[in-house]
PDB file of all heavy atoms in Angstrom:
ATOM      1  N   GLU A   1     -11.239  20.433 -18.415  1.00  0.00           N
ATOM      2  CA  GLU A   1     -10.033  20.922 -17.737  1.00  0.00           C
ATOM      3  C   GLU A   1     -10.331  22.173 -16.920  1.00  0.00           C
ATOM      4  O   GLU A   1      -9.863  22.319 -15.790  1.00  0.00           O
ATOM      5  CB  GLU A   1      -8.951  21.220 -18.788  1.00  0.00           C
ATOM      6  CG  GLU A   1      -7.611  21.609 -18.197  1.00  0.00           C
ATOM      7  CD  GLU A   1      -6.977  20.490 -17.381  1.00  0.00           C
ATOM      8  OE1 GLU A   1      -7.290  19.316 -17.647  1.00  0.00           O
ATOM      9  OE2 GLU A   1      -6.170  20.796 -16.479  1.00  0.00           O
ATOM     10  N   ARG A   2     -11.151  23.084 -17.501  1.00  0.00           N
ATOM     11  CA  ARG A   2     -11.536  24.283 -16.745  1.00  0.00           C
ATOM     12  C   ARG A   2     -12.351  23.914 -15.509  1.00  0.00           C
ATOM     13  O   ARG A   2     -12.139  24.473 -14.422  1.00  0.00           O
ATOM     14  CB  ARG A   2     -12.344  25.223 -17.642  1.00  0.00           C
ATOM     15  CG  ARG A   2     -11.512  25.970 -18.664  1.00  0.00           C
ATOM     16  CD  ARG A   2     -12.305  27.109 -19.260  1.00  0.00           C
ATOM     17  NE  ARG A   2     -13.450  26.638 -19.997  1.00  0.00           N
ATOM     18  CZ  ARG A   2     -13.433  26.352 -21.291  1.00  0.00           C
ATOM     19  NH1 ARG A   2     -12.319  26.486 -21.984  1.00  0.00           N
ATOM     20  NH2 ARG A   2     -14.522  25.945 -21.911  1.00  0.00           N
ATOM     21  N   GLU A   3     -13.265  22.944 -15.649  1.00  0.00           N
ATOM     22  CA  GLU A   3     -14.062  22.510 -14.498  1.00  0.00           C
ATOM     23  C   GLU A   3     -13.180  21.838 -13.456  1.00  0.00           C
ATOM     24  O   GLU A   3     -13.409  21.990 -12.247  1.00  0.00           O
ATOM     25  CB  GLU A   3     -15.144  21.555 -14.979  1.00  0.00           C
ATOM     26  CG  GLU A   3     -16.142  21.178 -13.892  1.00  0.00           C
ATOM     27  CD  GLU A   3     -17.263  20.308 -14.421  1.00  0.00           C
ATOM     28  OE1 GLU A   3     -17.348  20.156 -15.647  1.00  0.00           O
ATOM     29  OE2 GLU A   3     -18.048  19.802 -13.600  1.00  0.00           O
ATOM     30  N   LYS A   4     -12.156  21.120 -13.896  1.00  0.00           N
ATOM     31  CA  LYS A   4     -11.237  20.475 -12.972  1.00  0.00           C
ATOM     32  C   LYS A   4     -10.450  21.501 -12.162  1.00  0.00           C
ATOM     33  O   LYS A   4     -10.282  21.369 -10.946  1.00  0.00           O
ATOM     34  CB  LYS A   4     -10.285  19.573 -13.748  1.00  0.00           C
ATOM     35  CG  LYS A   4      -9.308  18.804 -12.885  1.00  0.00           C
ATOM     36  CD  LYS A   4      -8.421  17.912 -13.738  1.00  0.00           C
ATOM     37  CE  LYS A   4      -7.408  17.167 -12.883  1.00  0.00           C
ATOM     38  NZ  LYS A   4      -6.516  16.317 -13.719  1.00  0.00           N
ATOM     39  N   MET A   5      -9.980  22.572 -12.835  1.00  0.00           N
ATOM     40  CA  MET A   5      -9.251  23.621 -12.135  1.00  0.00           C
ATOM     41  C   MET A   5     -10.164  24.352 -11.152  1.00  0.00           C
ATOM     42  O   MET A   5      -9.777  24.676 -10.022  1.00  0.00           O
ATOM     43  CB  MET A   5      -8.652  24.593 -13.148  1.00  0.00           C
ATOM     44  CG  MET A   5      -7.603  23.965 -14.051  1.00  0.00           C
ATOM     45  SD  MET A   5      -7.008  25.090 -15.336  1.00  0.00           S
ATOM     46  CE  MET A   5      -6.261  26.359 -14.301  1.00  0.00           C
ATOM     47  N   GLN A   6     -11.412  24.601 -11.587  1.00  0.00           N
ATOM     48  CA  GLN A   6     -12.369  25.260 -10.697  1.00  0.00           C
ATOM     49  C   GLN A   6     -12.676  24.376  -9.485  1.00  0.00           C
ATOM     50  O   GLN A   6     -12.798  24.873  -8.354  1.00  0.00           O
ATOM     51  CB  GLN A   6     -13.653  25.572 -11.467  1.00  0.00           C
ATOM     52  CG  GLN A   6     -14.699  26.302 -10.634  1.00  0.00           C
ATOM     53  CD  GLN A   6     -15.961  26.588 -11.423  1.00  0.00           C
ATOM     54  OE1 GLN A   6     -16.036  26.277 -12.613  1.00  0.00           O
ATOM     55  NE2 GLN A   6     -16.945  27.168 -10.795  1.00  0.00           N
ATOM     56  N   TYR A   7     -12.798  23.053  -9.707  1.00  0.00           N
ATOM     57  CA  TYR A   7     -13.054  22.127  -8.599  1.00  0.00           C
ATOM     58  C   TYR A   7     -11.888  22.136  -7.611  1.00  0.00           C
ATOM     59  O   TYR A   7     -12.102  22.108  -6.395  1.00  0.00           O
ATOM     60  CB  TYR A   7     -13.285  20.727  -9.153  1.00  0.00           C
ATOM     61  CG  TYR A   7     -13.305  19.655  -8.085  1.00  0.00           C
ATOM     62  CD1 TYR A   7     -14.413  19.497  -7.249  1.00  0.00           C
ATOM     63  CD2 TYR A   7     -12.211  18.812  -7.900  1.00  0.00           C
ATOM     64  CE1 TYR A   7     -14.432  18.521  -6.273  1.00  0.00           C
ATOM     65  CE2 TYR A   7     -12.234  17.836  -6.916  1.00  0.00           C
ATOM     66  CZ  TYR A   7     -13.346  17.696  -6.112  1.00  0.00           C
ATOM     67  OH  TYR A   7     -13.360  16.738  -5.139  1.00  0.00           O
ATOM     68  N   ALA A   8     -10.664  22.182  -8.130  1.00  0.00           N
ATOM     69  CA  ALA A   8      -9.496  22.211  -7.239  1.00  0.00           C
ATOM     70  C   ALA A   8      -9.498  23.472  -6.374  1.00  0.00           C
ATOM     71  O   ALA A   8      -9.207  23.420  -5.171  1.00  0.00           O
ATOM     72  CB  ALA A   8      -8.214  22.132  -8.067  1.00  0.00           C
ATOM     73  N   GLN A   9      -9.881  24.601  -6.995  1.00  0.00           N
ATOM     74  CA  GLN A   9      -9.933  25.845  -6.217  1.00  0.00           C
ATOM     75  C   GLN A   9     -11.037  25.793  -5.176  1.00  0.00           C
ATOM     76  O   GLN A   9     -10.853  26.191  -4.014  1.00  0.00           O
ATOM     77  CB  GLN A   9     -10.153  27.028  -7.177  1.00  0.00           C
ATOM     78  CG  GLN A   9     -10.212  28.385  -6.490  1.00  0.00           C
ATOM     79  CD  GLN A   9      -8.903  28.762  -5.824  1.00  0.00           C
ATOM     80  OE1 GLN A   9      -7.849  28.320  -6.250  1.00  0.00           O
ATOM     81  NE2 GLN A   9      -8.965  29.560  -4.782  1.00  0.00           N
ATOM     82  N   GLU A  10     -12.233  25.300  -5.568  1.00  0.00           N
ATOM     83  CA  GLU A  10     -13.352  25.214  -4.626  1.00  0.00           C
ATOM     84  C   GLU A  10     -13.048  24.214  -3.509  1.00  0.00           C
ATOM     85  O   GLU A  10     -13.432  24.433  -2.358  1.00  0.00           O
ATOM     86  CB  GLU A  10     -14.620  24.816  -5.378  1.00  0.00           C
ATOM     87  CG  GLU A  10     -15.126  25.891  -6.333  1.00  0.00           C
ATOM     88  CD  GLU A  10     -16.356  25.431  -7.084  1.00  0.00           C
ATOM     89  OE1 GLU A  10     -16.747  24.254  -6.909  1.00  0.00           O
ATOM     90  OE2 GLU A  10     -16.934  26.242  -7.831  1.00  0.00           O
ATOM     91  N   LEU A  11     -12.373  23.109  -3.858  1.00  0.00           N
ATOM     92  CA  LEU A  11     -12.021  22.124  -2.836  1.00  0.00           C
ATOM     93  C   LEU A  11     -11.033  22.718  -1.838  1.00  0.00           C
ATOM     94  O   LEU A  11     -11.136  22.472  -0.622  1.00  0.00           O
ATOM     95  CB  LEU A  11     -11.426  20.886  -3.503  1.00  0.00           C
ATOM     96  CG  LEU A  11     -11.005  19.749  -2.559  1.00  0.00           C
ATOM     97  CD1 LEU A  11     -12.211  19.223  -1.795  1.00  0.00           C
ATOM     98  CD2 LEU A  11     -10.344  18.627  -3.352  1.00  0.00           C
ATOM     99  N   LYS A  12     -10.102  23.508  -2.347  1.00  0.00           N
ATOM    100  CA  LYS A  12      -9.137  24.146  -1.451  1.00  0.00           C
ATOM    101  C   LYS A  12      -9.833  25.111  -0.498  1.00  0.00           C
ATOM    102  O   LYS A  12      -9.513  25.179   0.693  1.00  0.00           O
ATOM    103  CB  LYS A  12      -8.086  24.875  -2.281  1.00  0.00           C
ATOM    104  CG  LYS A  12      -6.978  25.494  -1.460  1.00  0.00           C
ATOM    105  CD  LYS A  12      -5.938  26.144  -2.366  1.00  0.00           C
ATOM    106  CE  LYS A  12      -4.817  26.783  -1.537  1.00  0.00           C
ATOM    107  NZ  LYS A  12      -3.813  27.441  -2.421  1.00  0.00           N
ATOM    108  N   GLU A  13     -10.811  25.865  -1.023  1.00  0.00           N
ATOM    109  CA  GLU A  13     -11.574  26.780  -0.166  1.00  0.00           C
ATOM    110  C   GLU A  13     -12.451  26.005   0.815  1.00  0.00           C
ATOM    111  O   GLU A  13     -12.611  26.407   1.969  1.00  0.00           O
ATOM    112  CB  GLU A  13     -12.425  27.698  -1.045  1.00  0.00           C
ATOM    113  CG  GLU A  13     -11.603  28.632  -1.932  1.00  0.00           C
ATOM    114  CD  GLU A  13     -12.476  29.455  -2.858  1.00  0.00           C
ATOM    115  OE1 GLU A  13     -13.718  29.226  -2.830  1.00  0.00           O
ATOM    116  OE2 GLU A  13     -11.940  30.301  -3.583  1.00  0.00           O
ATOM    117  N   TYR A  14     -13.042  24.872   0.354  1.00  0.00           N
ATOM    118  CA  TYR A  14     -13.908  24.081   1.225  1.00  0.00           C
ATOM    119  C   TYR A  14     -13.127  23.458   2.367  1.00  0.00           C
ATOM    120  O   TYR A  14     -13.649  23.312   3.475  1.00  0.00           O
ATOM    121  CB  TYR A  14     -14.611  23.008   0.398  1.00  0.00           C
ATOM    122  CG  TYR A  14     -15.396  22.011   1.228  1.00  0.00           C
ATOM    123  CD1 TYR A  14     -16.565  22.393   1.885  1.00  0.00           C
ATOM    124  CD2 TYR A  14     -14.970  20.699   1.359  1.00  0.00           C
ATOM    125  CE1 TYR A  14     -17.278  21.498   2.646  1.00  0.00           C
ATOM    126  CE2 TYR A  14     -15.681  19.787   2.118  1.00  0.00           C
ATOM    127  CZ  TYR A  14     -16.829  20.193   2.758  1.00  0.00           C
ATOM    128  OH  TYR A  14     -17.527  19.295   3.513  1.00  0.00           O
ATOM    129  N   GLN A  15     -11.877  23.083   2.118  1.00  0.00           N
ATOM    130  CA  GLN A  15     -11.055  22.478   3.159  1.00  0.00           C
ATOM    131  C   GLN A  15     -10.712  23.451   4.279  1.00  0.00           C
ATOM    132  O   GLN A  15     -10.241  23.030   5.332  1.00  0.00           O
ATOM    133  CB  GLN A  15      -9.768  21.927   2.538  1.00  0.00           C
ATOM    134  CG  GLN A  15      -9.997  20.687   1.686  1.00  0.00           C
ATOM    135  CD  GLN A  15      -8.742  20.232   0.988  1.00  0.00           C
ATOM    136  OE1 GLN A  15      -7.736  20.958   0.953  1.00  0.00           O
ATOM    137  NE2 GLN A  15      -8.770  19.049   0.399  1.00  0.00           N
ATOM    138  N   GLN A  16     -10.933  24.747   4.040  1.00  0.00           N
ATOM    139  CA  GLN A  16     -10.692  25.729   5.095  1.00  0.00           C
ATOM    140  C   GLN A  16     -11.934  26.015   5.931  1.00  0.00           C
ATOM    141  O   GLN A  16     -11.871  26.776   6.899  1.00  0.00           O
ATOM    142  CB  GLN A  16     -10.201  27.059   4.460  1.00  0.00           C
ATOM    143  CG  GLN A  16      -8.996  26.901   3.548  1.00  0.00           C
ATOM    144  CD  GLN A  16      -7.775  26.372   4.262  1.00  0.00           C
ATOM    145  OE1 GLN A  16      -7.576  26.687   5.436  1.00  0.00           O
ATOM    146  NE2 GLN A  16      -6.972  25.577   3.580  1.00  0.00           N
ATOM    147  N   THR A  17     -13.088  25.412   5.561  1.00  0.00           N
ATOM    148  CA  THR A  17     -14.332  25.695   6.258  1.00  0.00           C
ATOM    149  C   THR A  17     -14.476  24.814   7.489  1.00  0.00           C
ATOM    150  O   THR A  17     -13.795  23.787   7.658  1.00  0.00           O
ATOM    151  CB  THR A  17     -15.524  25.479   5.323  1.00  0.00           C
ATOM    152  OG1 THR A  17     -15.528  24.110   4.883  1.00  0.00           O
ATOM    153  CG2 THR A  17     -15.417  26.387   4.105  1.00  0.00           C
ATOM    154  N   GLU A  18     -15.415  25.195   8.338  1.00  0.00           N
ATOM    155  CA  GLU A  18     -15.681  24.437   9.560  1.00  0.00           C
ATOM    156  C   GLU A  18     -16.365  23.110   9.258  1.00  0.00           C
ATOM    157  O   GLU A  18     -16.140  22.111   9.935  1.00  0.00           O
ATOM    158  CB  GLU A  18     -16.562  25.281  10.490  1.00  0.00           C
ATOM    159  CG  GLU A  18     -16.833  24.631  11.839  1.00  0.00           C
ATOM    160  CD  GLU A  18     -17.702  25.509  12.729  1.00  0.00           C
ATOM    161  OE1 GLU A  18     -18.034  26.626  12.294  1.00  0.00           O
ATOM    162  OE2 GLU A  18     -18.027  25.072  13.839  1.00  0.00           O
ATOM    163  N   ALA A  19     -17.205  23.094   8.194  1.00  0.00           N
ATOM    164  CA  ALA A  19     -17.903  21.856   7.836  1.00  0.00           C
ATOM    165  C   ALA A  19     -16.918  20.752   7.455  1.00  0.00           C
ATOM    166  O   ALA A  19     -17.102  19.585   7.811  1.00  0.00           O
ATOM    167  CB  ALA A  19     -18.863  22.113   6.673  1.00  0.00           C
ATOM    168  N   PHE A  20     -15.856  21.119   6.749  1.00  0.00           N
ATOM    169  CA  PHE A  20     -14.854  20.126   6.359  1.00  0.00           C
ATOM    170  C   PHE A  20     -14.117  19.599   7.591  1.00  0.00           C
ATOM    171  O   PHE A  20     -13.816  18.402   7.681  1.00  0.00           O
ATOM    172  CB  PHE A  20     -13.870  20.734   5.369  1.00  0.00           C
ATOM    173  CG  PHE A  20     -12.744  19.806   4.995  1.00  0.00           C
ATOM    174  CD1 PHE A  20     -12.945  18.768   4.104  1.00  0.00           C
ATOM    175  CD2 PHE A  20     -11.484  19.965   5.555  1.00  0.00           C
ATOM    176  CE1 PHE A  20     -11.919  17.909   3.773  1.00  0.00           C
ATOM    177  CE2 PHE A  20     -10.455  19.112   5.226  1.00  0.00           C
ATOM    178  CZ  PHE A  20     -10.676  18.075   4.325  1.00  0.00           C
ATOM    179  N   GLN A  21     -13.814  20.487   8.541  1.00  0.00           N
ATOM    180  CA  GLN A  21     -13.123  20.053   9.745  1.00  0.00           C
ATOM    181  C   GLN A  21     -13.978  19.068  10.541  1.00  0.00           C
ATOM    182  O   GLN A  21     -13.487  18.053  11.053  1.00  0.00           O
ATOM    183  CB  GLN A  21     -12.771  21.276  10.606  1.00  0.00           C
ATOM    184  CG  GLN A  21     -11.888  22.296   9.894  1.00  0.00           C
ATOM    185  CD  GLN A  21     -10.542  21.731   9.501  1.00  0.00           C
ATOM    186  OE1 GLN A  21     -10.037  20.832  10.171  1.00  0.00           O
ATOM    187  NE2 GLN A  21      -9.943  22.264   8.437  1.00  0.00           N
ATOM    188  N   ILE A  22     -15.288  19.345  10.632  1.00  0.00           N
ATOM    189  CA  ILE A  22     -16.197  18.454  11.357  1.00  0.00           C
ATOM    190  C   ILE A  22     -16.271  17.095  10.662  1.00  0.00           C
ATOM    191  O   ILE A  22     -16.216  16.028  11.294  1.00  0.00           O
ATOM    192  CB  ILE A  22     -17.590  19.092  11.479  1.00  0.00           C
ATOM    193  CG1 ILE A  22     -17.504  20.373  12.345  1.00  0.00           C
ATOM    194  CG2 ILE A  22     -18.589  18.109  12.060  1.00  0.00           C
ATOM    195  CD1 ILE A  22     -18.793  21.145  12.404  1.00  0.00           C
ATOM    196  N   THR A  23     -16.408  17.120   9.327  1.00  0.00           N
ATOM    197  CA  THR A  23     -16.486  15.869   8.571  1.00  0.00           C
ATOM    198  C   THR A  23     -15.200  15.061   8.711  1.00  0.00           C
ATOM    199  O   THR A  23     -15.229  13.829   8.879  1.00  0.00           O
ATOM    200  CB  THR A  23     -16.758  16.175   7.097  1.00  0.00           C
ATOM    201  OG1 THR A  23     -17.942  16.964   6.989  1.00  0.00           O
ATOM    202  CG2 THR A  23     -16.930  14.895   6.302  1.00  0.00           C
ATOM    203  N   SER A  24     -14.058  15.732   8.641  1.00  0.00           N
ATOM    204  CA  SER A  24     -12.780  15.025   8.783  1.00  0.00           C
ATOM    205  C   SER A  24     -12.648  14.396  10.159  1.00  0.00           C
ATOM    206  O   SER A  24     -12.158  13.272  10.312  1.00  0.00           O
ATOM    207  CB  SER A  24     -11.624  15.998   8.531  1.00  0.00           C
ATOM    208  OG  SER A  24     -11.716  16.552   7.235  1.00  0.00           O
ATOM    209  N   THR A  25     -13.117  15.118  11.183  1.00  0.00           N
ATOM    210  CA  THR A  25     -13.049  14.578  12.541  1.00  0.00           C
ATOM    211  C   THR A  25     -13.925  13.339  12.677  1.00  0.00           C
ATOM    212  O   THR A  25     -13.517  12.336  13.293  1.00  0.00           O
ATOM    213  CB  THR A  25     -13.481  15.650  13.541  1.00  0.00           C
ATOM    214  OG1 THR A  25     -12.664  16.819  13.375  1.00  0.00           O
ATOM    215  CG2 THR A  25     -13.346  15.148  14.966  1.00  0.00           C
ATOM    216  N   LYS A  26     -15.129  13.373  12.111  1.00  0.00           N
ATOM    217  CA  LYS A  26     -16.021  12.218  12.181  1.00  0.00           C
ATOM    218  C   LYS A  26     -15.424  11.015  11.461  1.00  0.00           C
ATOM    219  O   LYS A  26     -15.492   9.878  11.956  1.00  0.00           O
ATOM    220  CB  LYS A  26     -17.384  12.576  11.574  1.00  0.00           C
ATOM    221  CG  LYS A  26     -18.199  13.531  12.426  1.00  0.00           C
ATOM    222  CD  LYS A  26     -19.550  13.779  11.801  1.00  0.00           C
ATOM    223  CE  LYS A  26     -20.403  14.709  12.665  1.00  0.00           C
ATOM    224  NZ  LYS A  26     -21.720  14.964  12.047  1.00  0.00           N
ATOM    225  N   ILE A  27     -14.850  11.248  10.286  1.00  0.00           N
ATOM    226  CA  ILE A  27     -14.244  10.144   9.537  1.00  0.00           C
ATOM    227  C   ILE A  27     -13.072   9.548  10.307  1.00  0.00           C
ATOM    228  O   ILE A  27     -12.895   8.322  10.383  1.00  0.00           O
ATOM    229  CB  ILE A  27     -13.802  10.622   8.145  1.00  0.00           C
ATOM    230  CG1 ILE A  27     -15.029  11.026   7.312  1.00  0.00           C
ATOM    231  CG2 ILE A  27     -13.000   9.565   7.418  1.00  0.00           C
ATOM    232  CD1 ILE A  27     -14.701  11.634   5.973  1.00  0.00           C
ATOM    233  N   GLN A  28     -12.266  10.422  10.927  1.00  0.00           N
ATOM    234  CA  GLN A  28     -11.120   9.938  11.699  1.00  0.00           C
ATOM    235  C   GLN A  28     -11.583   9.139  12.910  1.00  0.00           C
ATOM    236  O   GLN A  28     -11.006   8.083  13.229  1.00  0.00           O
ATOM    237  CB  GLN A  28     -10.250  11.130  12.124  1.00  0.00           C
ATOM    238  CG  GLN A  28      -8.952  10.741  12.803  1.00  0.00           C
ATOM    239  CD  GLN A  28      -7.985  10.065  11.841  1.00  0.00           C
ATOM    240  OE1 GLN A  28      -8.112  10.204  10.648  1.00  0.00           O
ATOM    241  NE2 GLN A  28      -7.036   9.328  12.375  1.00  0.00           N
ATOM    242  N   ASP A  29     -12.617   9.635  13.616  1.00  0.00           N
ATOM    243  CA  ASP A  29     -13.141   8.903  14.783  1.00  0.00           C
ATOM    244  C   ASP A  29     -13.696   7.552  14.372  1.00  0.00           C
ATOM    245  O   ASP A  29     -13.496   6.536  15.069  1.00  0.00           O
ATOM    246  CB  ASP A  29     -14.223   9.733  15.476  1.00  0.00           C
ATOM    247  CG  ASP A  29     -13.643  11.003  16.091  1.00  0.00           C
ATOM    248  OD1 ASP A  29     -12.409  11.062  16.265  1.00  0.00           O
ATOM    249  OD2 ASP A  29     -14.420  11.927  16.380  1.00  0.00           O
ATOM    250  N   LYS A  30     -14.399   7.505  13.239  1.00  0.00           N
ATOM    251  CA  LYS A  30     -14.958   6.238  12.791  1.00  0.00           C
ATOM    252  C   LYS A  30     -13.842   5.249  12.433  1.00  0.00           C
ATOM    253  O   LYS A  30     -13.951   4.051  12.714  1.00  0.00           O
ATOM    254  CB  LYS A  30     -15.855   6.484  11.568  1.00  0.00           C
ATOM    255  CG  LYS A  30     -16.643   5.261  11.126  1.00  0.00           C
ATOM    256  CD  LYS A  30     -17.529   5.589   9.948  1.00  0.00           C
ATOM    257  CE  LYS A  30     -18.624   6.563  10.346  1.00  0.00           C
ATOM    258  NZ  LYS A  30     -19.562   6.802   9.226  1.00  0.00           N
ATOM    259  N   ARG A  31     -12.771   5.744  11.830  1.00  0.00           N
ATOM    260  CA  ARG A  31     -11.653   4.865  11.487  1.00  0.00           C
ATOM    261  C   ARG A  31     -10.973   4.324  12.744  1.00  0.00           C
ATOM    262  O   ARG A  31     -10.592   3.155  12.817  1.00  0.00           O
ATOM    263  CB  ARG A  31     -10.641   5.626  10.622  1.00  0.00           C
ATOM    264  CG  ARG A  31      -9.502   4.743  10.101  1.00  0.00           C
ATOM    265  CD  ARG A  31      -8.497   5.532   9.292  1.00  0.00           C
ATOM    266  NE  ARG A  31      -9.092   6.069   8.099  1.00  0.00           N
ATOM    267  CZ  ARG A  31      -9.287   7.362   7.875  1.00  0.00           C
ATOM    268  NH1 ARG A  31      -8.931   8.247   8.790  1.00  0.00           N
ATOM    269  NH2 ARG A  31      -9.816   7.780   6.751  1.00  0.00           N
ATOM    270  N   ILE A  32     -10.826   5.186  13.759  1.00  0.00           N
ATOM    271  CA  ILE A  32     -10.190   4.751  15.014  1.00  0.00           C
ATOM    272  C   ILE A  32     -11.050   3.704  15.713  1.00  0.00           C
ATOM    273  O   ILE A  32     -10.548   2.688  16.209  1.00  0.00           O
ATOM    274  CB  ILE A  32      -9.937   5.959  15.932  1.00  0.00           C
ATOM    275  CG1 ILE A  32      -8.869   6.876  15.299  1.00  0.00           C
ATOM    276  CG2 ILE A  32      -9.491   5.514  17.315  1.00  0.00           C
ATOM    277  CD1 ILE A  32      -8.669   8.164  16.052  1.00  0.00           C
ATOM    278  N   LYS A  33     -12.378   3.919  15.737  1.00  0.00           N
ATOM    279  CA  LYS A  33     -13.274   2.955  16.360  1.00  0.00           C
ATOM    280  C   LYS A  33     -13.227   1.614  15.633  1.00  0.00           C
ATOM    281  O   LYS A  33     -13.286   0.549  16.241  1.00  0.00           O
ATOM    282  CB  LYS A  33     -14.702   3.493  16.385  1.00  0.00           C
ATOM    283  CG  LYS A  33     -14.902   4.642  17.362  1.00  0.00           C
ATOM    284  CD  LYS A  33     -16.344   5.114  17.344  1.00  0.00           C
ATOM    285  CE  LYS A  33     -16.564   6.260  18.328  1.00  0.00           C
ATOM    286  NZ  LYS A  33     -17.955   6.742  18.299  1.00  0.00           N
ATOM    287  N   LYS A  34     -13.115   1.687  14.308  1.00  0.00           N
ATOM    288  CA  LYS A  34     -13.071   0.455  13.536  1.00  0.00           C
ATOM    289  C   LYS A  34     -11.787  -0.324  13.802  1.00  0.00           C
ATOM    290  O   LYS A  34     -11.780  -1.560  13.845  1.00  0.00           O
ATOM    291  CB  LYS A  34     -13.189   0.791  12.047  1.00  0.00           C
ATOM    292  CG  LYS A  34     -13.296  -0.425  11.154  1.00  0.00           C
ATOM    293  CD  LYS A  34     -13.500  -0.015   9.713  1.00  0.00           C
ATOM    294  CE  LYS A  34     -13.620  -1.233   8.811  1.00  0.00           C
ATOM    295  NZ  LYS A  34     -13.815  -0.841   7.392  1.00  0.00           N
TER     296      LYS A  34
END
């Protein structure tokens, strides 16, 4: 449970990074192409 809460916090911080934005854009482009 503690690891789950820590993962949620780290995921929230990761979603604010530039790497997450780039990955989300690539996934969205691939879905649109498909």
